[in-house]
Amino acid sequence: MHKVVAIVALLLIRQIGFASPLLQQYVPDARLSGETTRYRYLFFDLYDASLYAPNGQWSMGQPFALSLTYLRHIKGEKIAEQAVAQIRNLGFDDEVRLASWYSQLRKIIPDVGRNKTLTGVYLPGDKTVFLRDEKPIGIIRDADFGRWFFSIWLSDKSPEPQPFRVLTGTQISYQ
């Protein structure tokens, strides 16, 4: 009975925008920032993205967590390839470091299936922690990696600025 109550409580906490206790360890007072948004490629739904930040106020200068709940099966290798390709598209051109980041991502990122969640936790100036379904699966100890990696979703230079605005709850000025 206690397990059922705990599970229901955890589901309710997520529905009203609070992060899990594990995320709270990395991101104090973590709450949903903006809204969850669905990412599509062509006609395919890929994943739902949710951003958690202290008191729901996102900034690249403070810890935050980005959770991606996948809607289909995707190979970990493909996720790593796409991440590095997107970082390159954002303007990062140090191929030696990109190769290192790809190698680290390949070791960390597993294949995912429907309703599996991968979360990246950004700790500015330090590291990026990866979780799968609330369990730690790896760390990349490179402050530059985290900034570039999360810019895939959280940069006004992203090829699709609308998800950026929805996730962060911000408006972008193009002037």
Protein backbone atom coordinates (compact mmCIF):
# COMPACT_ATOMS: atom_id res chain seq x y z
CA MET A 1 0.00 0.00 0.00
CA HIS A 2 2.83 2.41 0.86
CA LYS A 3 4.39 1.76 -2.55
CA VAL A 4 1.16 2.68 -4.32
CA VAL A 5 0.86 5.91 -2.32
CA ALA A 6 4.49 6.81 -3.11
CA ILE A 7 3.99 6.17 -6.84
CA VAL A 8 0.79 8.24 -6.94
CA ALA A 9 2.52 11.06 -5.04
CA LEU A 10 5.45 11.03 -7.48
CA LEU A 11 3.08 11.19 -10.46
CA LEU A 12 1.17 14.10 -8.92
CA ILE A 13 4.39 15.98 -8.19
CA ARG A 14 5.43 15.68 -11.84
CA GLN A 15 2.01 16.76 -13.09
CA ILE A 16 2.12 20.02 -11.14
CA GLY A 17 5.63 20.79 -12.32
CA PHE A 18 7.95 19.70 -9.53
CA ALA A 19 11.04 17.66 -10.35
CA SER A 20 11.78 14.27 -8.83
CA PRO A 21 13.75 14.02 -5.58
CA LEU A 22 16.82 12.84 -7.54
CA LEU A 23 16.75 15.92 -9.79
CA GLN A 24 16.31 18.09 -6.69
CA GLN A 25 19.74 16.85 -5.54
CA TYR A 26 21.33 18.44 -8.61
CA VAL A 27 18.95 21.35 -9.18
CA PRO A 28 17.66 22.78 -5.88
CA ASP A 29 13.98 23.84 -5.95
CA ALA A 30 13.70 22.40 -9.47
CA ARG A 31 10.37 23.11 -11.12
CA LEU A 32 9.12 22.94 -14.67
CA SER A 33 10.23 25.99 -16.66
CA GLY A 34 7.81 26.91 -19.41
CA GLU A 35 5.91 23.93 -20.81
CA THR A 36 6.67 20.44 -22.03
CA THR A 37 6.99 20.43 -25.81
CA ARG A 38 6.90 17.66 -28.41
CA TYR A 39 9.72 17.36 -30.93
CA ARG A 40 8.97 15.94 -34.35
CA TYR A 41 11.09 15.06 -37.37
CA LEU A 42 9.16 15.06 -40.62
CA PHE A 43 5.99 13.12 -39.72
CA PHE A 44 7.43 11.30 -36.73
CA ASP A 45 6.99 12.21 -33.07
CA LEU A 46 10.41 11.69 -31.46
CA TYR A 47 10.18 12.81 -27.84
CA ASP A 48 8.61 15.16 -25.33
CA ALA A 49 11.05 17.60 -23.74
CA SER A 50 10.70 19.15 -20.27
CA LEU A 51 13.04 21.67 -18.69
CA TYR A 52 13.51 21.93 -14.91
CA ALA A 53 15.20 24.91 -13.29
CA PRO A 54 15.41 26.46 -9.81
CA ASN A 55 11.92 27.81 -9.06
CA GLY A 56 11.13 27.29 -12.76
CA GLN A 57 13.40 30.21 -13.75
CA TRP A 58 15.78 28.97 -16.45
CA SER A 59 19.21 30.51 -17.05
CA MET A 60 22.36 29.03 -18.62
CA GLY A 61 24.21 30.41 -15.59
CA GLN A 62 22.59 28.07 -13.08
CA PRO A 63 21.97 24.31 -12.84
CA PHE A 64 19.04 22.87 -14.77
CA ALA A 65 17.82 19.53 -16.12
CA LEU A 66 16.41 18.71 -19.54
CA SER A 67 14.37 15.50 -19.73
CA LEU A 68 13.52 13.82 -23.02
CA THR A 69 10.81 11.16 -22.90
CA TYR A 70 11.08 9.17 -26.10
CA LEU A 71 8.03 8.21 -28.14
CA ARG A 72 9.75 5.61 -30.33
CA HIS A 73 12.78 3.32 -30.38
CA ILE A 74 16.03 5.13 -31.20
CA LYS A 75 19.55 3.69 -31.07
CA GLY A 76 21.95 5.34 -28.62
CA GLU A 77 24.51 5.59 -31.39
CA LYS A 78 22.08 7.65 -33.49
CA ILE A 79 21.35 9.97 -30.55
CA ALA A 80 25.10 10.56 -30.05
CA GLU A 81 25.65 11.16 -33.79
CA GLN A 82 22.81 13.67 -33.97
CA ALA A 83 23.96 15.49 -30.82
CA VAL A 84 27.45 16.01 -32.24
CA ALA A 85 26.05 17.01 -35.65
CA GLN A 86 23.79 19.61 -33.99
CA ILE A 87 26.68 20.99 -31.90
CA ARG A 88 28.69 21.32 -35.11
CA ASN A 89 25.72 23.08 -36.80
CA LEU A 90 25.63 25.57 -33.93
CA GLY A 91 29.17 26.62 -34.83
CA PHE A 92 31.49 24.50 -32.69
CA ASP A 93 34.32 23.41 -34.98
CA ASP A 94 36.99 21.77 -32.82
CA GLU A 95 36.88 18.32 -34.43
CA VAL A 96 39.19 16.76 -31.83
CA ARG A 97 36.86 17.75 -28.99
CA LEU A 98 33.77 16.79 -31.01
CA ALA A 99 35.28 13.32 -31.51
CA SER A 100 35.98 13.07 -27.78
CA TRP A 101 32.43 14.14 -26.90
CA TYR A 102 31.01 11.64 -29.40
CA SER A 103 33.08 8.85 -27.87
CA GLN A 104 31.89 9.75 -24.37
CA LEU A 105 28.25 10.02 -25.47
CA ARG A 106 28.45 6.61 -27.16
CA LYS A 107 29.54 5.07 -23.86
CA ILE A 108 26.78 6.81 -21.89
CA ILE A 109 23.68 7.04 -24.09
CA PRO A 110 21.75 3.75 -24.32
CA ASP A 111 19.23 2.69 -26.91
CA VAL A 112 15.84 4.05 -25.89
CA GLY A 113 12.30 2.84 -26.39
CA ARG A 114 8.83 4.25 -26.03
CA ASN A 115 8.29 6.05 -22.70
CA LYS A 116 11.96 5.82 -21.68
CA THR A 117 13.39 9.06 -20.34
CA LEU A 118 16.92 10.41 -20.71
CA THR A 119 17.77 13.45 -18.60
CA GLY A 120 20.78 15.69 -18.87
CA VAL A 121 21.67 17.79 -15.84
CA TYR A 122 23.76 20.89 -16.54
CA LEU A 123 26.07 22.00 -13.74
CA PRO A 124 27.63 25.23 -15.12
CA GLY A 125 31.39 25.45 -15.11
CA ASP A 126 31.68 21.81 -14.08
CA LYS A 127 29.99 18.82 -15.71
CA THR A 128 26.93 17.26 -17.30
CA VAL A 129 25.27 14.32 -15.57
CA PHE A 130 23.09 11.90 -17.54
CA LEU A 131 20.21 9.86 -16.11
CA ARG A 132 18.02 7.17 -17.60
CA ASP A 133 14.64 6.80 -15.95
CA GLU A 134 15.93 8.53 -12.80
CA LYS A 135 19.15 6.47 -12.54
CA PRO A 136 22.60 7.99 -13.15
CA ILE A 137 24.25 6.52 -16.26
CA GLY A 138 27.25 8.77 -16.87
CA ILE A 139 29.07 12.08 -16.53
CA ILE A 140 30.94 14.25 -19.01
CA ARG A 141 33.39 16.44 -17.10
CA ASP A 142 33.77 19.29 -19.56
CA ALA A 143 32.08 22.64 -18.95
CA ASP A 144 32.16 23.52 -22.65
CA PHE A 145 30.38 20.29 -23.56
CA GLY A 146 27.38 21.11 -21.38
CA ARG A 147 27.00 24.61 -22.77
CA TRP A 148 27.12 23.41 -26.39
CA PHE A 149 25.09 20.25 -25.81
CA PHE A 150 22.17 22.02 -24.17
CA SER A 151 22.28 24.79 -26.78
CA ILE A 152 20.81 22.23 -29.17
CA TRP A 153 17.48 22.84 -27.40
CA LEU A 154 18.06 26.00 -25.38
CA SER A 155 19.63 28.50 -27.73
CA ASP A 156 17.97 31.29 -29.65
CA LYS A 157 20.30 30.16 -32.47
CA SER A 158 18.57 26.80 -32.60
CA PRO A 159 17.16 26.02 -36.05
CA GLU A 160 13.72 25.83 -34.42
CA PRO A 161 13.28 28.70 -31.94
CA GLN A 162 9.65 27.87 -31.08
CA PRO A 163 10.51 24.86 -28.86
CA PHE A 164 13.13 27.05 -27.13
CA ARG A 165 10.44 29.59 -26.24
CA VAL A 166 8.01 26.93 -25.04
CA LEU A 167 10.59 25.08 -22.93
CA THR A 168 12.04 28.17 -21.27
CA GLY A 169 8.86 30.22 -21.09
CA THR A 170 10.70 33.12 -22.77
CA GLN A 171 10.29 35.28 -25.82
CA ILE A 172 13.10 35.84 -28.29
CA SER A 173 13.90 39.26 -29.71
CA TYR A 174 15.25 39.12 -33.25
CA GLN A 175 16.26 42.81 -33.34
